Amino acid sequence: MRGSLCLGLGDGPGAEEALLRAYAAALGSRDLPVVATVAVTVAGLAALYGPHRDAALVLGAAARLRGAHDRTDPQIRALSRRARTALGDEGFAEAYGSGRDLDAAAALRRTDPALLCRGARSAVEPGRPQDR
C-alpha cells in the first residue's frame, strides 16, 4: 500500500524503499499470488522510471505468478493502458507476453524491485529520451 501511495505522489525513492520491504515479505510468504500483487506495484515503479516495455514485461511476469491476467484490478488496467499507449498494441503484447512466458523462478527475479532501483538510476540520464 505504501508503495502505491508513493507512486501516486511521484515519490520514486519512497516507492523503492516500500517495495523492497514488501517484496521481501511477499517472498517470505512463499505465496506466488501475494508476490504478484506486489509485482503490479513494481510495474508502476517501472512506468515511473522509464521504458514502458519494462512495465509491460513486469505486468506479464505478475500474471505468470498469479496464474492469470487480472482484468478487474484498476491498477493493472491503468498501467496496461499507459504502456499500450506508449508502445502500441504489438509492442505491449510482445513485452507482456515475454513476461507471461517466463518460468516461475525467472518471473520472481524479473519482478524484484531492486532490479528497477539499480537500473533506473543508471538508465535515466539527462537528455536521454525515454519511451514515455
C-alpha atoms as a PDB file:
ATOM      1  CA  MET A   1       0.000   0.000   0.000  1.00  0.00           C
ATOM      2  CA  ARG A   2       2.786   2.444   0.905  1.00  0.00           C
ATOM      3  CA  GLY A   3       4.485   1.801  -2.453  1.00  0.00           C
ATOM      4  CA  SER A   4       1.265   2.609  -4.302  1.00  0.00           C
ATOM      5  CA  LEU A   5       0.790   5.798  -2.289  1.00  0.00           C
ATOM      6  CA  CYS A   6       4.354   6.911  -3.021  1.00  0.00           C
ATOM      7  CA  LEU A   7       3.883   6.206  -6.726  1.00  0.00           C
ATOM      8  CA  GLY A   8       0.701   8.257  -6.723  1.00  0.00           C
ATOM      9  CA  LEU A   9       2.706  11.167  -5.338  1.00  0.00           C
ATOM     10  CA  GLY A  10       5.534  10.642  -7.835  1.00  0.00           C
ATOM     11  CA  ASP A  11       7.911   9.711  -4.999  1.00  0.00           C
ATOM     12  CA  GLY A  12      10.147   7.136  -6.681  1.00  0.00           C
ATOM     13  CA  PRO A  13      12.648   6.768  -3.816  1.00  0.00           C
ATOM     14  CA  GLY A  14       9.833   6.299  -1.292  1.00  0.00           C
ATOM     15  CA  ALA A  15       8.185   3.721  -3.543  1.00  0.00           C
ATOM     16  CA  GLU A  16      11.517   1.906  -3.958  1.00  0.00           C
ATOM     17  CA  GLU A  17      12.002   1.650  -0.221  1.00  0.00           C
ATOM     18  CA  ALA A  18       8.459   0.433   0.409  1.00  0.00           C
ATOM     19  CA  LEU A  19       8.559  -2.054  -2.465  1.00  0.00           C
ATOM     20  CA  LEU A  20      11.883  -3.531  -1.421  1.00  0.00           C
ATOM     21  CA  ARG A  21      10.392  -4.307   2.012  1.00  0.00           C
ATOM     22  CA  ALA A  22       7.077  -5.535   0.594  1.00  0.00           C
ATOM     23  CA  TYR A  23       8.790  -7.761  -1.973  1.00  0.00           C
ATOM     24  CA  ALA A  24      10.994  -9.375   0.692  1.00  0.00           C
ATOM     25  CA  ALA A  25       7.946 -10.032   2.881  1.00  0.00           C
ATOM     26  CA  ALA A  26       5.982 -11.420  -0.076  1.00  0.00           C
ATOM     27  CA  LEU A  27       8.835 -13.775  -0.989  1.00  0.00           C
ATOM     28  CA  GLY A  28       8.947 -14.907   2.617  1.00  0.00           C
ATOM     29  CA  SER A  29       5.285 -15.874   2.411  1.00  0.00           C
ATOM     30  CA  ARG A  30       6.072 -18.334  -0.429  1.00  0.00           C
ATOM     31  CA  ASP A  31       2.685 -17.390  -1.903  1.00  0.00           C
ATOM     32  CA  LEU A  32       3.088 -16.507  -5.585  1.00  0.00           C
ATOM     33  CA  PRO A  33      -0.220 -14.565  -5.811  1.00  0.00           C
ATOM     34  CA  VAL A  34       0.972 -12.364  -2.924  1.00  0.00           C
ATOM     35  CA  VAL A  35       4.237 -11.721  -4.780  1.00  0.00           C
ATOM     36  CA  ALA A  36       2.178 -10.969  -7.909  1.00  0.00           C
ATOM     37  CA  THR A  37       0.246  -8.294  -6.016  1.00  0.00           C
ATOM     38  CA  VAL A  38       3.493  -6.558  -5.062  1.00  0.00           C
ATOM     39  CA  ALA A  39       4.785  -7.052  -8.627  1.00  0.00           C
ATOM     40  CA  VAL A  40       1.914  -4.994 -10.042  1.00  0.00           C
ATOM     41  CA  THR A  41       3.120  -2.037  -7.967  1.00  0.00           C
ATOM     42  CA  VAL A  42       6.670  -2.785  -9.136  1.00  0.00           C
ATOM     43  CA  ALA A  43       5.310  -2.374 -12.690  1.00  0.00           C
ATOM     44  CA  GLY A  44       4.105   1.067 -11.605  1.00  0.00           C
ATOM     45  CA  LEU A  45       7.650   1.887 -10.489  1.00  0.00           C
ATOM     46  CA  ALA A  46       8.925   0.726 -13.878  1.00  0.00           C
ATOM     47  CA  ALA A  47       6.424   3.025 -15.593  1.00  0.00           C
ATOM     48  CA  LEU A  48       7.535   5.931 -13.387  1.00  0.00           C
ATOM     49  CA  TYR A  49      11.207   5.419 -14.180  1.00  0.00           C
ATOM     50  CA  GLY A  50      11.286   4.783 -17.823  1.00  0.00           C
ATOM     51  CA  PRO A  51      10.728   2.367 -20.575  1.00  0.00           C
ATOM     52  CA  HIS A  52       7.127   1.243 -20.614  1.00  0.00           C
ATOM     53  CA  ARG A  53       8.395  -2.019 -22.056  1.00  0.00           C
ATOM     54  CA  ASP A  54       9.708  -2.833 -18.562  1.00  0.00           C
ATOM     55  CA  ALA A  55       6.298  -2.080 -17.051  1.00  0.00           C
ATOM     56  CA  ALA A  56       4.557  -4.350 -19.580  1.00  0.00           C
ATOM     57  CA  LEU A  57       7.103  -7.123 -19.002  1.00  0.00           C
ATOM     58  CA  VAL A  58       6.653  -6.918 -15.209  1.00  0.00           C
ATOM     59  CA  LEU A  59       2.857  -6.984 -15.637  1.00  0.00           C
ATOM     60  CA  GLY A  60       3.246 -10.146 -17.705  1.00  0.00           C
ATOM     61  CA  ALA A  61       5.516 -11.684 -15.064  1.00  0.00           C
ATOM     62  CA  ALA A  62       2.949 -10.781 -12.382  1.00  0.00           C
ATOM     63  CA  ALA A  63       0.264 -12.543 -14.421  1.00  0.00           C
ATOM     64  CA  ARG A  64       2.554 -15.587 -14.620  1.00  0.00           C
ATOM     65  CA  LEU A  65       2.947 -15.606 -10.838  1.00  0.00           C
ATOM     66  CA  ARG A  66      -0.784 -15.122 -10.287  1.00  0.00           C
ATOM     67  CA  GLY A  67      -1.697 -17.737 -12.882  1.00  0.00           C
ATOM     68  CA  ALA A  68      -3.895 -15.366 -14.908  1.00  0.00           C
ATOM     69  CA  HIS A  69      -4.254 -11.763 -16.041  1.00  0.00           C
ATOM     70  CA  ASP A  70      -6.496  -9.883 -13.603  1.00  0.00           C
ATOM     71  CA  ARG A  71      -8.806  -7.767 -15.762  1.00  0.00           C
ATOM     72  CA  THR A  72     -10.639  -6.460 -12.673  1.00  0.00           C
ATOM     73  CA  ASP A  73      -7.699  -4.688 -10.995  1.00  0.00           C
ATOM     74  CA  PRO A  74      -7.841  -0.932 -11.726  1.00  0.00           C
ATOM     75  CA  GLN A  75      -4.077  -0.568 -11.242  1.00  0.00           C
ATOM     76  CA  ILE A  76      -3.382  -3.288 -13.837  1.00  0.00           C
ATOM     77  CA  ARG A  77      -5.849  -1.732 -16.264  1.00  0.00           C
ATOM     78  CA  ALA A  78      -4.313   1.741 -15.869  1.00  0.00           C
ATOM     79  CA  LEU A  79      -0.723   0.503 -16.228  1.00  0.00           C
ATOM     80  CA  SER A  80      -1.660  -1.646 -19.220  1.00  0.00           C
ATOM     81  CA  ARG A  81      -3.403   1.289 -20.879  1.00  0.00           C
ATOM     82  CA  ARG A  82      -0.408   3.591 -20.351  1.00  0.00           C
ATOM     83  CA  ALA A  83       2.071   1.015 -21.622  1.00  0.00           C
ATOM     84  CA  ARG A  84      -0.136   0.150 -24.599  1.00  0.00           C
ATOM     85  CA  THR A  85      -0.396   3.856 -25.495  1.00  0.00           C
ATOM     86  CA  ALA A  86       3.391   4.263 -25.299  1.00  0.00           C
ATOM     87  CA  LEU A  87       4.326   1.004 -27.051  1.00  0.00           C
ATOM     88  CA  GLY A  88       1.406   0.360 -29.359  1.00  0.00           C
ATOM     89  CA  ASP A  89      -0.669  -2.802 -29.281  1.00  0.00           C
ATOM     90  CA  GLU A  90       2.013  -5.033 -30.797  1.00  0.00           C
ATOM     91  CA  GLY A  91       4.827  -3.694 -28.628  1.00  0.00           C
ATOM     92  CA  PHE A  92       2.750  -4.087 -25.487  1.00  0.00           C
ATOM     93  CA  ALA A  93       1.667  -7.615 -26.449  1.00  0.00           C
ATOM     94  CA  GLU A  94       5.271  -8.652 -27.142  1.00  0.00           C
ATOM     95  CA  ALA A  95       6.620  -7.274 -23.846  1.00  0.00           C
ATOM     96  CA  TYR A  96       3.691  -8.548 -21.773  1.00  0.00           C
ATOM     97  CA  GLY A  97       3.929 -11.948 -23.450  1.00  0.00           C
ATOM     98  CA  SER A  98       7.655 -12.138 -22.705  1.00  0.00           C
ATOM     99  CA  GLY A  99       6.914 -11.667 -19.020  1.00  0.00           C
ATOM    100  CA  ARG A 100       3.978 -14.080 -19.088  1.00  0.00           C
ATOM    101  CA  ASP A 101       6.133 -16.767 -20.735  1.00  0.00           C
ATOM    102  CA  LEU A 102       8.800 -16.740 -18.003  1.00  0.00           C
ATOM    103  CA  ASP A 103       9.052 -19.732 -15.706  1.00  0.00           C
ATOM    104  CA  ALA A 104       8.180 -19.034 -12.061  1.00  0.00           C
ATOM    105  CA  ALA A 105      11.792 -18.553 -10.926  1.00  0.00           C
ATOM    106  CA  ALA A 106      12.550 -16.120 -13.755  1.00  0.00           C
ATOM    107  CA  ALA A 107       9.272 -14.264 -13.118  1.00  0.00           C
ATOM    108  CA  LEU A 108      10.239 -13.865  -9.462  1.00  0.00           C
ATOM    109  CA  ARG A 109      13.620 -12.434 -10.461  1.00  0.00           C
ATOM    110  CA  ARG A 110      12.065 -10.102 -13.066  1.00  0.00           C
ATOM    111  CA  THR A 111       9.589  -8.634 -10.566  1.00  0.00           C
ATOM    112  CA  ASP A 112      12.273  -7.816  -7.986  1.00  0.00           C
ATOM    113  CA  PRO A 113      12.110  -4.038  -7.408  1.00  0.00           C
ATOM    114  CA  ALA A 114      15.863  -3.987  -6.716  1.00  0.00           C
ATOM    115  CA  LEU A 115      16.400  -4.613 -10.426  1.00  0.00           C
ATOM    116  CA  LEU A 116      14.493  -1.433 -11.260  1.00  0.00           C
ATOM    117  CA  CYS A 117      16.048   0.582  -8.463  1.00  0.00           C
ATOM    118  CA  ARG A 118      19.586  -0.165  -9.657  1.00  0.00           C
ATOM    119  CA  GLY A 119      18.697   0.004 -13.343  1.00  0.00           C
ATOM    120  CA  ALA A 120      16.669   3.194 -13.107  1.00  0.00           C
ATOM    121  CA  ARG A 121      19.482   5.251 -11.670  1.00  0.00           C
ATOM    122  CA  SER A 122      21.923   4.235 -14.378  1.00  0.00           C
ATOM    123  CA  ALA A 123      19.422   4.106 -17.260  1.00  0.00           C
ATOM    124  CA  VAL A 124      17.827   7.513 -16.789  1.00  0.00           C
ATOM    125  CA  GLU A 125      20.378  10.058 -17.911  1.00  0.00           C
ATOM    126  CA  PRO A 126      19.777  13.742 -18.570  1.00  0.00           C
ATOM    127  CA  GLY A 127      18.943  14.353 -22.199  1.00  0.00           C
ATOM    128  CA  ARG A 128      18.276  10.690 -22.921  1.00  0.00           C
ATOM    129  CA  PRO A 129      14.846  10.123 -24.470  1.00  0.00           C
ATOM    130  CA  GLN A 130      12.552   7.639 -22.769  1.00  0.00           C
ATOM    131  CA  ASP A 131       9.581   5.858 -24.358  1.00  0.00           C
ATOM    132  CA  ARG A 132       7.096   7.522 -22.058  1.00  0.00           C
END
